[in-house]
Amino acid sequence: MKRLSLASLTLLSLAGGAAAEPEKLTVDFGFFPKGTACQVFNTTGKVSLRTGREIEYTIKGDTGDVVFRCAQPDGRSFEVATGALLPPGNPSLVAIQINQDDHAHILWDQGGLRRSTVAEVLRWN
C-alpha cells in the first residue's frame, strides 16, 4: 500500500473544524498503470494535481460531491464518486487513497487519526 505523504498525515492529525463537508480533500490513485488520466467533476473548488509515481489531486472547497472519471492506457475507463466515501461528522481534511484492486483507504481526524477501508469503489464503464 502506498503511504500518504508525511505532510498529509500531519495535516490530518491537526485537522479540526466544523464544515459540513471537508474543506480540503486529497485523493490519491495508487497502483494504476502509467498513463492513467483522470478528470474531476462536480466541484467549483480549487483543484491541484501532482503526478509522479501516483496521481494525486487536492481539492480545496466544494468537496462533497466530487467525481473522478479516469481512462487507462488500455482503453478501459472507470468512475469514482468520492462524496459517498466521506466519513460522517465534520472533519476539515480527508485523504482518500483509491487502489486499482477496487478498494479505498480513507483517513481523517476526529479526535485522533481515523481510518476506514471501503471495497468496490470503482465503477467500470
C-alpha atoms as a PDB file:
ATOM      1  CA  MET A   1       0.000   0.000   0.000  1.00  0.00           C
ATOM      2  CA  LYS A   2       1.330   3.432  -0.888  1.00  0.00           C
ATOM      3  CA  ARG A   3       1.933   5.634   2.097  1.00  0.00           C
ATOM      4  CA  LEU A   4       0.337   9.043   2.145  1.00  0.00           C
ATOM      5  CA  SER A   5       2.859  11.849   2.389  1.00  0.00           C
ATOM      6  CA  LEU A   6       4.052  12.862   5.823  1.00  0.00           C
ATOM      7  CA  ALA A   7       2.650  16.354   5.240  1.00  0.00           C
ATOM      8  CA  SER A   8      -0.828  14.920   4.512  1.00  0.00           C
ATOM      9  CA  LEU A   9      -0.745  12.800   7.663  1.00  0.00           C
ATOM     10  CA  THR A  10       0.478  15.734   9.748  1.00  0.00           C
ATOM     11  CA  LEU A  11      -2.328  17.919   8.419  1.00  0.00           C
ATOM     12  CA  LEU A  12      -4.806  15.142   9.153  1.00  0.00           C
ATOM     13  CA  SER A  13      -3.643  14.904  12.745  1.00  0.00           C
ATOM     14  CA  LEU A  14      -4.031  18.671  13.217  1.00  0.00           C
ATOM     15  CA  ALA A  15      -7.351  18.995  11.408  1.00  0.00           C
ATOM     16  CA  GLY A  16     -10.434  20.084  13.297  1.00  0.00           C
ATOM     17  CA  GLY A  17     -13.240  22.222  12.002  1.00  0.00           C
ATOM     18  CA  ALA A  18     -16.982  22.242  11.731  1.00  0.00           C
ATOM     19  CA  ALA A  19     -17.723  22.250   7.996  1.00  0.00           C
ATOM     20  CA  ALA A  20     -20.496  20.025   6.656  1.00  0.00           C
ATOM     21  CA  GLU A  21     -18.021  18.661   4.098  1.00  0.00           C
ATOM     22  CA  PRO A  22     -14.244  18.667   4.334  1.00  0.00           C
ATOM     23  CA  GLU A  23     -12.609  21.958   3.448  1.00  0.00           C
ATOM     24  CA  LYS A  24      -9.762  20.001   1.869  1.00  0.00           C
ATOM     25  CA  LEU A  25      -9.905  16.628   0.106  1.00  0.00           C
ATOM     26  CA  THR A  26      -6.809  14.790  -1.082  1.00  0.00           C
ATOM     27  CA  VAL A  27      -7.404  11.867  -3.465  1.00  0.00           C
ATOM     28  CA  ASP A  28      -4.537   9.624  -4.493  1.00  0.00           C
ATOM     29  CA  PHE A  29      -4.810   6.958  -7.187  1.00  0.00           C
ATOM     30  CA  GLY A  30      -2.304   4.262  -6.225  1.00  0.00           C
ATOM     31  CA  PHE A  31      -1.105   1.287  -8.246  1.00  0.00           C
ATOM     32  CA  PHE A  32      -2.720   2.351 -11.532  1.00  0.00           C
ATOM     33  CA  PRO A  33      -0.864   1.842 -14.829  1.00  0.00           C
ATOM     34  CA  LYS A  34       1.424   4.614 -16.010  1.00  0.00           C
ATOM     35  CA  GLY A  35      -0.547   6.784 -18.425  1.00  0.00           C
ATOM     36  CA  THR A  36      -3.823   6.639 -16.481  1.00  0.00           C
ATOM     37  CA  ALA A  37      -5.501  10.054 -16.771  1.00  0.00           C
ATOM     38  CA  CYS A  38      -8.365  11.435 -14.687  1.00  0.00           C
ATOM     39  CA  GLN A  39     -10.747  14.378 -14.842  1.00  0.00           C
ATOM     40  CA  VAL A  40     -12.536  15.959 -11.869  1.00  0.00           C
ATOM     41  CA  PHE A  41     -16.271  16.759 -11.938  1.00  0.00           C
ATOM     42  CA  ASN A  42     -18.902  18.271  -9.586  1.00  0.00           C
ATOM     43  CA  THR A  43     -16.722  20.812  -7.812  1.00  0.00           C
ATOM     44  CA  THR A  44     -16.159  24.544  -8.050  1.00  0.00           C
ATOM     45  CA  GLY A  45     -13.299  24.281  -5.572  1.00  0.00           C
ATOM     46  CA  LYS A  46      -9.630  24.839  -6.322  1.00  0.00           C
ATOM     47  CA  VAL A  47      -8.172  21.651  -7.844  1.00  0.00           C
ATOM     48  CA  SER A  48      -4.461  20.930  -7.988  1.00  0.00           C
ATOM     49  CA  LEU A  49      -2.769  17.885  -9.495  1.00  0.00           C
ATOM     50  CA  ARG A  50       0.545  16.267  -8.677  1.00  0.00           C
ATOM     51  CA  THR A  51       1.833  13.371 -10.732  1.00  0.00           C
ATOM     52  CA  GLY A  52       4.835  11.153 -10.396  1.00  0.00           C
ATOM     53  CA  ARG A  53       4.601   7.583  -9.249  1.00  0.00           C
ATOM     54  CA  GLU A  54       0.956   8.214  -8.372  1.00  0.00           C
ATOM     55  CA  ILE A  55      -1.796  10.609  -9.417  1.00  0.00           C
ATOM     56  CA  GLU A  56      -2.714  12.906  -6.513  1.00  0.00           C
ATOM     57  CA  TYR A  57      -5.438  15.544  -6.532  1.00  0.00           C
ATOM     58  CA  THR A  58      -6.004  18.134  -3.828  1.00  0.00           C
ATOM     59  CA  ILE A  59      -9.341  19.942  -3.797  1.00  0.00           C
ATOM     60  CA  LYS A  60      -9.990  22.939  -1.545  1.00  0.00           C
ATOM     61  CA  GLY A  61     -13.665  23.855  -1.110  1.00  0.00           C
ATOM     62  CA  ASP A  62     -16.799  22.259  -2.603  1.00  0.00           C
ATOM     63  CA  THR A  63     -15.683  18.690  -1.850  1.00  0.00           C
ATOM     64  CA  GLY A  64     -18.973  16.961  -1.021  1.00  0.00           C
ATOM     65  CA  ASP A  65     -19.940  15.524  -4.432  1.00  0.00           C
ATOM     66  CA  VAL A  66     -16.641  15.165  -6.293  1.00  0.00           C
ATOM     67  CA  VAL A  67     -16.498  12.568  -9.065  1.00  0.00           C
ATOM     68  CA  PHE A  68     -13.380  11.359 -10.883  1.00  0.00           C
ATOM     69  CA  ARG A  69     -13.561   9.874 -14.380  1.00  0.00           C
ATOM     70  CA  CYS A  70     -10.384   8.103 -15.411  1.00  0.00           C
ATOM     71  CA  ALA A  71      -9.083   6.332 -18.521  1.00  0.00           C
ATOM     72  CA  GLN A  72      -6.308   3.778 -18.568  1.00  0.00           C
ATOM     73  CA  PRO A  73      -3.822   3.316 -21.422  1.00  0.00           C
ATOM     74  CA  ASP A  74      -5.507   0.024 -22.444  1.00  0.00           C
ATOM     75  CA  GLY A  75      -8.770   1.899 -23.139  1.00  0.00           C
ATOM     76  CA  ARG A  76     -10.661   0.814 -20.031  1.00  0.00           C
ATOM     77  CA  SER A  77     -12.302   3.598 -18.019  1.00  0.00           C
ATOM     78  CA  PHE A  78     -13.842   3.955 -14.580  1.00  0.00           C
ATOM     79  CA  GLU A  79     -15.541   6.456 -12.324  1.00  0.00           C
ATOM     80  CA  VAL A  80     -15.215   7.066  -8.579  1.00  0.00           C
ATOM     81  CA  ALA A  81     -17.689   9.179  -6.588  1.00  0.00           C
ATOM     82  CA  THR A  82     -15.746  10.297  -3.525  1.00  0.00           C
ATOM     83  CA  GLY A  83     -18.731  12.006  -1.885  1.00  0.00           C
ATOM     84  CA  ALA A  84     -20.075   8.603  -0.860  1.00  0.00           C
ATOM     85  CA  LEU A  85     -16.710   7.789   0.751  1.00  0.00           C
ATOM     86  CA  LEU A  86     -16.558  10.828   3.033  1.00  0.00           C
ATOM     87  CA  PRO A  87     -16.705   9.937   6.730  1.00  0.00           C
ATOM     88  CA  PRO A  88     -19.547  11.074   8.977  1.00  0.00           C
ATOM     89  CA  GLY A  89     -19.054  14.072  11.192  1.00  0.00           C
ATOM     90  CA  ASN A  90     -17.283  17.294  10.335  1.00  0.00           C
ATOM     91  CA  PRO A  91     -13.630  16.621   9.526  1.00  0.00           C
ATOM     92  CA  SER A  92     -11.965  19.582   7.804  1.00  0.00           C
ATOM     93  CA  LEU A  93      -9.491  17.370   5.949  1.00  0.00           C
ATOM     94  CA  VAL A  94      -9.965  13.941   4.396  1.00  0.00           C
ATOM     95  CA  ALA A  95      -7.386  11.898   2.470  1.00  0.00           C
ATOM     96  CA  ILE A  96      -8.515   9.034   0.233  1.00  0.00           C
ATOM     97  CA  GLN A  97      -6.266   6.514  -1.498  1.00  0.00           C
ATOM     98  CA  ILE A  98      -8.010   4.665  -4.327  1.00  0.00           C
ATOM     99  CA  ASN A  99      -6.403   1.429  -5.499  1.00  0.00           C
ATOM    100  CA  GLN A 100      -6.823  -0.418  -8.776  1.00  0.00           C
ATOM    101  CA  ASP A 101      -7.846  -3.593  -6.939  1.00  0.00           C
ATOM    102  CA  ASP A 102     -11.151  -1.788  -6.216  1.00  0.00           C
ATOM    103  CA  HIS A 103     -10.827  -0.551  -2.660  1.00  0.00           C
ATOM    104  CA  ALA A 104     -10.105   2.775  -0.960  1.00  0.00           C
ATOM    105  CA  HIS A 105      -8.434   3.806   2.269  1.00  0.00           C
ATOM    106  CA  ILE A 106      -9.973   6.870   3.904  1.00  0.00           C
ATOM    107  CA  LEU A 107      -8.049   8.833   6.559  1.00  0.00           C
ATOM    108  CA  TRP A 108      -9.393  11.739   8.643  1.00  0.00           C
ATOM    109  CA  ASP A 109      -9.055  13.362  12.032  1.00  0.00           C
ATOM    110  CA  GLN A 110     -11.878  13.141  14.541  1.00  0.00           C
ATOM    111  CA  GLY A 111     -10.356  13.450  17.979  1.00  0.00           C
ATOM    112  CA  GLY A 112      -7.470  11.343  16.660  1.00  0.00           C
ATOM    113  CA  LEU A 113      -6.479   9.901  13.320  1.00  0.00           C
ATOM    114  CA  ARG A 114      -9.184   7.573  11.944  1.00  0.00           C
ATOM    115  CA  ARG A 115      -9.000   5.104   9.071  1.00  0.00           C
ATOM    116  CA  SER A 116     -11.569   3.181   7.102  1.00  0.00           C
ATOM    117  CA  THR A 117     -11.260   0.784   4.164  1.00  0.00           C
ATOM    118  CA  VAL A 118     -14.087   0.564   1.628  1.00  0.00           C
ATOM    119  CA  ALA A 119     -14.348  -2.133  -1.057  1.00  0.00           C
ATOM    120  CA  GLU A 120     -15.899  -1.877  -4.528  1.00  0.00           C
ATOM    121  CA  VAL A 121     -15.356   1.847  -5.138  1.00  0.00           C
ATOM    122  CA  LEU A 122     -14.608   1.718  -8.887  1.00  0.00           C
ATOM    123  CA  ARG A 123     -17.465   1.824 -11.373  1.00  0.00           C
ATOM    124  CA  TRP A 124     -16.031   0.450 -14.631  1.00  0.00           C
ATOM    125  CA  ASN A 125     -17.521   1.749 -17.868  1.00  0.00           C
END
